[in-house]
Protein backbone atom coordinates (compact mmCIF):
# COMPACT_ATOMS: atom_id res chain seq x y z
CA UNK A 1 -42.82 11.30 -10.48
CA UNK A 2 -41.42 8.34 -12.38
CA UNK A 3 -39.79 5.33 -10.83
CA UNK A 4 -37.29 2.89 -12.28
CA UNK A 5 -38.87 -0.44 -13.22
CA UNK A 6 -35.72 -2.28 -12.13
CA UNK A 7 -35.81 -3.57 -8.54
CA UNK A 8 -33.01 -2.43 -6.24
CA UNK A 9 -30.32 -5.06 -5.78
CA UNK A 10 -30.46 -6.85 -2.45
CA UNK A 11 -27.70 -6.05 0.01
CA UNK A 12 -24.82 -8.48 -0.45
CA UNK A 13 -22.41 -9.55 2.26
CA UNK A 14 -19.02 -9.64 0.58
CA UNK A 15 -15.75 -11.03 1.96
CA UNK A 16 -12.28 -10.01 0.78
CA UNK A 17 -9.51 -12.43 1.80
CA UNK A 18 -5.83 -11.61 1.25
CA UNK A 19 -2.47 -12.62 2.63
CA UNK A 20 -1.72 -9.10 3.90
CA UNK A 21 -3.66 -6.15 5.27
CA UNK A 22 -1.66 -3.86 2.99
CA UNK A 23 -2.91 -5.73 -0.07
CA UNK A 24 -6.53 -5.11 0.94
CA UNK A 25 -6.25 -1.56 2.29
CA UNK A 26 -4.04 -0.13 -0.46
CA UNK A 27 -4.90 -2.21 -3.51
CA UNK A 28 -8.63 -2.81 -3.01
CA UNK A 29 -9.70 0.47 -1.40
CA UNK A 30 -11.41 1.55 -4.63
CA UNK A 31 -13.31 -1.74 -4.87
CA UNK A 32 -14.39 -1.51 -1.23
CA UNK A 33 -15.61 2.05 -1.82
CA UNK A 34 -17.55 0.94 -4.91
CA UNK A 35 -19.22 -1.88 -2.97
CA UNK A 36 -20.13 0.28 0.01
CA UNK A 37 -21.47 3.03 -2.27
CA UNK A 38 -23.86 0.39 -3.64
CA UNK A 39 -25.04 -0.42 -0.11
CA UNK A 40 -23.24 -3.75 0.34
CA UNK A 41 -21.49 -4.91 3.51
CA UNK A 42 -17.79 -5.80 3.48
CA UNK A 43 -15.67 -8.04 5.67
CA UNK A 44 -11.88 -8.05 5.16
CA UNK A 45 -9.83 -11.04 6.33
CA UNK A 46 -6.03 -11.05 6.58
CA UNK A 47 -3.50 -12.61 8.99
CA UNK A 48 -3.18 -9.30 10.91
CA UNK A 49 -4.15 -5.62 10.64
CA UNK A 50 -1.77 -2.92 11.80
CA UNK A 51 -3.11 0.34 13.19
CA UNK A 52 -2.72 2.28 9.95
CA UNK A 53 -4.44 -0.22 7.67
CA UNK A 54 -7.13 -0.91 10.26
CA UNK A 55 -7.89 2.81 10.37
CA UNK A 56 -8.03 3.05 6.57
CA UNK A 57 -10.54 0.21 6.38
CA UNK A 58 -12.58 1.59 9.27
CA UNK A 59 -12.86 4.91 7.45
CA UNK A 60 -14.07 3.13 4.32
CA UNK A 61 -16.75 1.38 6.37
CA UNK A 62 -15.41 -2.18 6.12
CA UNK A 63 -15.26 -4.66 8.97
CA UNK A 64 -12.11 -6.72 9.62
CA UNK A 65 -11.14 -10.04 11.15
CA UNK A 66 -7.55 -11.15 11.65
CA UNK A 67 -7.17 -14.80 10.74
CA UNK A 68 -3.82 -16.55 10.59
CA UNK A 69 -3.49 -19.63 8.37
CA UNK A 70 -0.96 -20.94 10.89
CA UNK A 71 -2.91 -20.97 14.22
CA UNK A 72 -0.71 -21.79 17.19
CA UNK A 73 -2.89 -24.76 18.15
CA UNK A 74 -2.20 -26.47 14.81
CA UNK A 75 1.32 -27.88 14.74
CA UNK A 76 1.17 -29.67 11.42
CA UNK A 77 3.60 -29.04 8.52
CA UNK A 78 2.40 -26.35 6.10
CA UNK A 79 1.34 -28.72 3.31
CA UNK A 80 -0.15 -31.55 5.39
CA UNK A 81 -3.73 -32.70 4.97
CA UNK A 82 -4.49 -32.18 8.66
CA UNK A 83 -3.27 -28.59 8.57
CA UNK A 84 -5.29 -27.82 5.44
CA UNK A 85 -8.45 -29.33 6.93
CA UNK A 86 -8.18 -27.42 10.21
CA UNK A 87 -7.46 -24.10 8.52
CA UNK A 88 -10.37 -24.54 6.10
CA UNK A 89 -12.71 -25.44 8.97
CA UNK A 90 -11.69 -22.42 11.07
CA UNK A 91 -12.06 -20.05 8.11
CA UNK A 92 -15.35 -21.67 7.10
CA UNK A 93 -16.74 -20.88 10.55
CA UNK A 94 -15.98 -17.19 10.00
CA UNK A 95 -17.62 -17.20 6.55
CA UNK A 96 -20.69 -19.01 7.89
CA UNK A 97 -21.05 -16.58 10.79
CA UNK A 98 -20.80 -13.64 8.39
CA UNK A 99 -23.33 -15.33 6.02
CA UNK A 100 -21.18 -14.42 3.03
CA UNK A 101 -22.87 -14.08 -0.36
CA UNK A 102 -19.65 -13.55 -2.32
CA UNK A 103 -15.93 -13.85 -1.71
CA UNK A 104 -12.92 -12.39 -3.51
CA UNK A 105 -9.60 -13.91 -2.52
CA UNK A 106 -6.15 -12.72 -3.65
CA UNK A 107 -2.67 -14.15 -3.20
CA UNK A 108 -1.97 -17.84 -3.70
CA UNK A 109 -1.56 -18.83 -0.01
CA UNK A 110 -4.86 -17.11 0.84
CA UNK A 111 -6.54 -18.58 -2.23
CA UNK A 112 -5.88 -22.22 -1.40
CA UNK A 113 -7.13 -21.80 2.17
CA UNK A 114 -10.17 -19.65 1.39
CA UNK A 115 -11.78 -21.44 -1.57
CA UNK A 116 -12.14 -24.75 0.27
CA UNK A 117 -13.63 -22.91 3.24
CA UNK A 118 -16.09 -21.05 1.03
CA UNK A 119 -17.30 -24.23 -0.66
CA UNK A 120 -17.68 -25.90 2.73
CA UNK A 121 -20.36 -23.35 3.73
CA UNK A 122 -21.82 -22.74 0.26
CA UNK A 123 -20.73 -19.15 -0.32
CA UNK A 124 -22.74 -18.06 -3.35
CA UNK A 125 -19.99 -16.66 -5.55
CA UNK A 126 -16.25 -17.37 -5.21
CA UNK A 127 -13.76 -15.30 -7.21
CA UNK A 128 -10.03 -16.09 -7.37
CA UNK A 129 -7.91 -13.00 -8.01
CA UNK A 130 -4.44 -14.01 -9.20
CA UNK A 131 -2.01 -11.13 -8.69
CA UNK A 132 1.34 -12.91 -8.43
CA UNK A 133 3.19 -15.50 -10.56
CA UNK A 134 2.49 -19.14 -9.75
CA UNK A 135 6.03 -19.73 -8.50
CA UNK A 136 5.78 -16.96 -5.90
CA UNK A 137 6.91 -18.24 -2.49
CA UNK A 138 4.69 -18.36 0.57
CA UNK A 139 5.86 -17.24 4.03
CA UNK A 140 8.11 -20.31 4.31
CA UNK A 141 9.92 -19.43 1.08
CA UNK A 142 8.41 -22.31 -0.92
CA UNK A 143 5.97 -22.06 -3.85
CA UNK A 144 2.42 -23.16 -3.11
CA UNK A 145 1.87 -26.76 -4.17
CA UNK A 146 0.48 -27.04 -7.71
CA UNK A 147 -2.21 -29.54 -6.70
CA UNK A 148 -3.56 -27.10 -4.08
CA UNK A 149 -3.70 -24.29 -6.62
CA UNK A 150 -5.53 -26.49 -9.11
CA UNK A 151 -8.15 -27.55 -6.54
CA UNK A 152 -8.71 -23.92 -5.48
CA UNK A 153 -9.10 -22.71 -9.07
CA UNK A 154 -11.52 -25.55 -9.89
CA UNK A 155 -13.56 -24.52 -6.86
CA UNK A 156 -13.83 -20.89 -8.01
CA UNK A 157 -16.70 -19.44 -10.05
CA UNK A 158 -14.53 -16.87 -11.81
CA UNK A 159 -10.79 -16.33 -12.14
CA UNK A 160 -9.38 -12.82 -12.58
CA UNK A 161 -5.69 -12.50 -13.50
CA UNK A 162 -3.39 -9.48 -13.40
CA UNK A 163 -1.65 -10.37 -16.66
CA UNK A 164 -1.97 -12.68 -19.65
CA UNK A 165 0.79 -15.06 -18.52
CA UNK A 166 -0.93 -15.68 -15.18
CA UNK A 167 -4.22 -16.24 -17.05
CA UNK A 168 -2.58 -18.89 -19.26
CA UNK A 169 -1.07 -20.63 -16.23
CA UNK A 170 -4.44 -20.57 -14.49
CA UNK A 171 -6.10 -22.21 -17.49
CA UNK A 172 -3.38 -24.88 -17.51
CA UNK A 173 -3.91 -25.53 -13.78
CA UNK A 174 -7.63 -26.04 -14.33
CA UNK A 175 -7.01 -29.18 -16.39
CA UNK A 176 -10.35 -30.98 -16.73
CA UNK A 177 -12.22 -28.08 -15.21
CA UNK A 178 -15.88 -28.30 -14.25
CA UNK A 179 -18.30 -27.25 -16.98
CA UNK A 180 -19.33 -24.14 -15.02
CA UNK A 181 -15.76 -22.83 -15.43
CA UNK A 182 -15.67 -22.08 -19.13
CA UNK A 183 -12.49 -20.58 -20.53
CA UNK A 184 -14.30 -17.22 -20.73
CA UNK A 185 -14.40 -17.23 -16.94
CA UNK A 186 -10.66 -16.54 -16.83
CA UNK A 187 -10.42 -12.80 -17.41
CA UNK A 188 -7.53 -10.33 -17.33
CA UNK A 189 -7.51 -6.87 -15.73
CA UNK A 190 -4.86 -4.16 -15.46
CA UNK A 191 -3.82 -5.01 -11.92
CA UNK A 192 -5.62 -3.08 -9.21
CA UNK A 193 -6.14 -0.18 -11.62
CA UNK A 194 -5.49 3.44 -10.73
CA UNK A 195 -7.81 6.28 -9.79
CA UNK A 196 -7.09 8.78 -12.56
CA UNK A 197 -8.80 11.60 -10.67
CA UNK A 198 -6.83 11.09 -7.47
CA UNK A 199 -3.63 10.42 -9.42
CA UNK A 200 -3.52 13.37 -11.80
CA UNK A 201 -0.84 14.08 -14.37
CA UNK A 202 1.97 15.91 -12.61
CA UNK A 203 4.19 18.56 -14.29
CA UNK A 204 7.76 17.42 -14.78
CA UNK A 205 10.29 19.07 -12.45
CA UNK A 206 13.06 21.25 -13.85
CA UNK A 207 16.23 19.44 -14.91
CA UNK A 208 18.66 22.23 -13.99
CA UNK A 209 20.20 20.15 -11.21
CA UNK A 210 20.08 16.81 -13.03
CA UNK A 211 17.50 14.08 -13.50
CA UNK A 212 15.78 12.38 -10.59
CA UNK A 213 15.10 8.64 -10.80
CA UNK A 214 12.70 6.98 -8.38
CA UNK A 215 11.99 3.42 -7.32
CA UNK A 216 9.02 2.67 -5.04
CA UNK A 217 8.81 -0.88 -3.74
CA UNK A 218 8.88 -3.05 -0.66
CA UNK A 219 12.41 -4.05 0.31
CA UNK A 220 12.34 -7.39 -1.45
CA UNK A 221 14.90 -9.14 -3.64
CA UNK A 222 12.27 -10.11 -6.23
CA UNK A 223 11.46 -6.45 -6.79
CA UNK A 224 15.01 -5.76 -8.01
CA UNK A 225 15.80 -3.26 -5.28
CA UNK A 226 19.49 -4.16 -5.13
CA UNK A 227 19.73 -4.03 -8.94
CA UNK A 228 18.52 -0.44 -8.79
CA UNK A 229 20.93 0.43 -5.97
CA UNK A 230 23.93 -1.07 -7.78
CA UNK A 231 23.03 0.86 -10.94
CA UNK A 232 22.77 4.09 -8.98
CA UNK A 233 26.17 3.58 -7.36
CA UNK A 234 27.81 2.66 -10.67
CA UNK A 235 26.44 5.69 -12.52
CA UNK A 236 27.22 8.09 -9.71
CA UNK A 237 30.79 6.74 -9.53
CA UNK A 238 31.18 7.70 -13.19
CA UNK A 239 30.23 11.27 -12.43
CA UNK A 240 26.70 11.15 -13.82
CA UNK A 241 24.70 14.09 -12.48
CA UNK A 242 21.54 12.46 -11.22
CA UNK A 243 19.71 11.60 -8.02
CA UNK A 244 18.36 8.16 -7.21
CA UNK A 245 15.50 7.99 -4.70
CA UNK A 246 14.10 4.86 -3.11
CA UNK A 247 10.88 4.64 -1.11
CA UNK A 248 8.89 1.78 0.28
CA UNK A 249 8.05 -0.33 3.32
CA UNK A 250 10.18 -3.06 4.87
CA UNK A 251 10.05 -6.41 3.13
CA UNK A 252 8.57 -9.58 4.59
CA UNK A 253 9.36 -13.26 4.17
CA UNK A 254 12.49 -14.98 2.87
CA UNK A 255 13.24 -12.34 0.19
CA UNK A 256 13.22 -9.39 2.58
CA UNK A 257 16.21 -7.02 2.48
CA UNK A 258 17.29 -5.42 5.79
CA UNK A 259 16.82 -1.66 5.53
CA UNK A 260 20.32 -1.03 6.83
CA UNK A 261 21.68 -2.74 3.71
CA UNK A 262 20.81 0.39 1.73
CA UNK A 263 23.44 2.31 3.68
CA UNK A 264 26.20 0.37 1.91
CA UNK A 265 25.39 2.37 -1.23
CA UNK A 266 26.24 5.62 0.55
CA UNK A 267 24.88 8.82 -0.93
CA UNK A 268 24.17 7.17 -4.29
CA UNK A 269 20.70 6.11 -3.08
CA UNK A 270 18.49 8.34 -0.96
CA UNK A 271 16.18 6.23 1.21
CA UNK A 272 12.87 8.06 1.69
CA UNK A 273 11.37 5.31 3.86
CA UNK A 274 7.77 4.10 3.64
CA UNK A 275 5.30 6.65 2.29
CA UNK A 276 1.51 6.83 2.58
CA UNK A 277 1.06 8.98 -0.52
CA UNK A 278 3.30 8.39 -3.53
CA UNK A 279 2.13 11.46 -5.44
CA UNK A 280 4.56 14.00 -3.94
CA UNK A 281 7.49 11.68 -4.64
CA UNK A 282 6.41 11.04 -8.21
CA UNK A 283 6.12 14.81 -8.68
CA UNK A 284 9.81 15.16 -7.75
CA UNK A 285 10.98 12.50 -10.19
CA UNK A 286 11.57 12.46 -13.92
CA UNK A 287 11.65 8.68 -14.44
CA UNK A 288 10.25 5.73 -12.46
CA UNK A 289 12.43 2.59 -12.28
CA UNK A 290 11.16 -0.90 -11.37
CA UNK A 291 13.59 -3.72 -12.30
CA UNK A 292 11.51 -6.55 -10.82
CA UNK A 293 12.35 -10.22 -11.35
CA UNK A 294 8.72 -11.41 -11.20
CA UNK A 295 5.44 -9.52 -10.92
CA UNK A 296 1.69 -9.64 -11.31
CA UNK A 297 1.12 -6.05 -12.38
CA UNK A 298 2.67 -3.54 -9.96
CA UNK A 299 0.37 -0.83 -8.65
CA UNK A 300 3.25 1.64 -8.40
CA UNK A 301 3.82 1.50 -12.14
CA UNK A 302 0.16 2.31 -12.75
CA UNK A 303 0.50 5.29 -10.42
CA UNK A 304 3.66 6.37 -12.25
CA UNK A 305 1.84 6.16 -15.59
CA UNK A 306 -1.01 8.25 -14.21
CA UNK A 307 1.45 10.88 -12.99
CA UNK A 308 2.95 10.96 -16.47
CA UNK A 309 6.32 9.43 -15.71
CA UNK A 310 8.38 7.38 -18.18
CA UNK A 311 9.14 3.85 -17.01
CA UNK A 312 12.26 1.73 -16.92
CA UNK A 313 11.19 -1.76 -16.02
CA UNK A 314 11.88 -5.38 -16.85
CA UNK A 315 10.70 -7.36 -19.85
CA UNK A 316 8.55 -9.74 -17.82
CA UNK A 317 4.80 -10.43 -17.71
CA UNK A 318 3.01 -7.74 -15.75
CA UNK A 319 5.61 -5.07 -16.50
CA UNK A 320 6.11 -5.29 -20.25
CA UNK A 321 2.41 -4.60 -20.87
CA UNK A 322 2.83 -1.07 -19.50
CA UNK A 323 5.68 0.02 -21.75
CA UNK A 324 5.72 0.92 -25.43
CA UNK A 325 9.43 0.70 -26.17
CA UNK A 326 11.06 4.13 -26.48
CA UNK A 327 7.62 5.76 -26.49
CA UNK A 328 6.83 5.91 -22.78
CA UNK A 329 9.92 4.13 -21.47
CA UNK A 330 12.10 1.11 -22.05
CA UNK A 331 12.36 -2.53 -21.06
CA UNK A 332 15.44 -4.40 -19.83
CA UNK A 333 16.04 -8.09 -19.10
CA UNK A 334 15.69 -8.98 -15.40
CA UNK A 335 18.94 -9.24 -13.41
CA UNK A 336 20.90 -7.55 -16.21
CA UNK A 337 22.99 -4.81 -14.62
CA UNK A 338 24.52 -3.59 -17.87
CA UNK A 339 21.14 -3.23 -19.58
CA UNK A 340 19.68 -1.40 -16.59
CA UNK A 341 22.63 1.01 -16.49
CA UNK A 342 22.31 1.63 -20.23
CA UNK A 343 18.57 2.32 -19.96
CA UNK A 344 19.07 4.86 -17.18
CA UNK A 345 21.94 6.43 -19.07
CA UNK A 346 19.81 6.77 -22.21
CA UNK A 347 17.58 9.24 -20.34
CA UNK A 348 20.64 11.09 -19.03
CA UNK A 349 21.90 11.50 -22.59
CA UNK A 350 18.54 12.58 -24.05
CA UNK A 351 16.53 14.38 -21.35
CA UNK A 352 14.72 16.26 -24.13
CA UNK A 353 12.72 13.09 -24.85
CA UNK A 354 11.25 12.87 -21.35
CA UNK A 355 8.41 15.32 -22.00
CA UNK A 356 6.94 13.30 -24.87
CA UNK A 357 7.40 10.04 -22.92
CA UNK A 358 5.58 11.68 -20.01
CA UNK A 359 2.56 12.47 -22.16
CA UNK A 360 2.58 8.95 -23.60
CA UNK A 361 2.56 7.44 -20.10
CA UNK A 362 -0.47 9.43 -19.02
CA UNK A 363 -2.34 8.52 -22.21
CA UNK A 364 -1.57 4.83 -21.63
CA UNK A 365 -2.95 5.07 -18.09
CA UNK A 366 -6.14 6.68 -19.39
CA UNK A 367 -6.49 4.10 -22.14
CA UNK A 368 -6.11 0.89 -20.15
CA UNK A 369 -5.57 1.37 -16.41
CA UNK A 370 -8.67 3.17 -15.06
CA UNK A 371 -9.72 1.69 -11.72
CA UNK A 372 -13.36 2.03 -12.73
CA UNK A 373 -12.85 -0.47 -15.56
CA UNK A 374 -11.07 -2.92 -13.24
CA UNK A 375 -13.76 -2.65 -10.58
CA UNK A 376 -16.53 -3.28 -13.10
CA UNK A 377 -14.89 -6.59 -14.02
CA UNK A 378 -14.52 -7.57 -10.35
CA UNK A 379 -18.10 -6.61 -9.49
CA UNK A 380 -19.39 -8.61 -12.45
CA UNK A 381 -17.26 -11.58 -11.40
CA UNK A 382 -18.86 -11.43 -7.95
CA UNK A 383 -22.35 -11.20 -9.45
CA UNK A 384 -22.86 -7.62 -8.27
CA UNK A 385 -24.25 -4.84 -10.46
């Protein structure tokens, strides 16, 4: 019997910190599975865990701790020094108790709180995952202060960005970065990636009863939900034979749209509610629409590519990278109702082109969006083989 000459890697205690339980459970499930398959131990930290996401993480084998960056006993304004110090100290106590070897933190509000805490207790490897634009608002509706972002990035060992624009902004925020943060330590990945085995190519439905367009998103103004709804109502009012489906959870924060607002669009938009598995909905649709105003790199578009669905999305960082114009979809300017209507109508006029666009979408997913490739970058960033 022969044995490998390479010693087994020691068990690492890894912490994932995010500003929502959904972000961890639905966007990092593949990473958690990869870590646990290698024998490592995982702790997930978010402000709260609902029953569904708690159960998902329990099934994966991860532990969880709910930690709010706004504890009731701290009554200081969100950006004050005292508030920052108390939050960092409370989070540092959790990291010290867990004896964390590595930490991956995503979302700007979580990033600025977690990096200082990690450095306070000498966490071995700190990775900043940047998945939203730098002007994204926190829970108060204000962007995170630039100085706090810069300090957090300078305190990170590796920076992973969801698109090239975010990577450039991160490099600019570093300024006179420490020598250990070379420019090569800012790397770009295709968002959370997509499991191409779980998300298989799906046959296109028949078009006998008209095309079906689908938007999957949280109910948030920045996602362009109302732009999609207005386009659906306008096209339906002109007698276009098509269905417009919307699915997604309720929004949160200052940009949230009340669900009842969708009813003002009548039968033009069919609200499917929140869904646990997007695959059946994608199988019913011909085209996926996502007219976001600002993004990192939306997971739902990766899932749509994997299913083999053409995309209509906005010409912004994080979305434009997924579309080859008129090959697997088309791009429109954000907040441009006329352009969005025209893009949707172009598919209504030429449904015969959808099949080739479908194949192109799946090929693009296979070429650049495999979750295995994304996870290898994240594991390397955390110093884990």
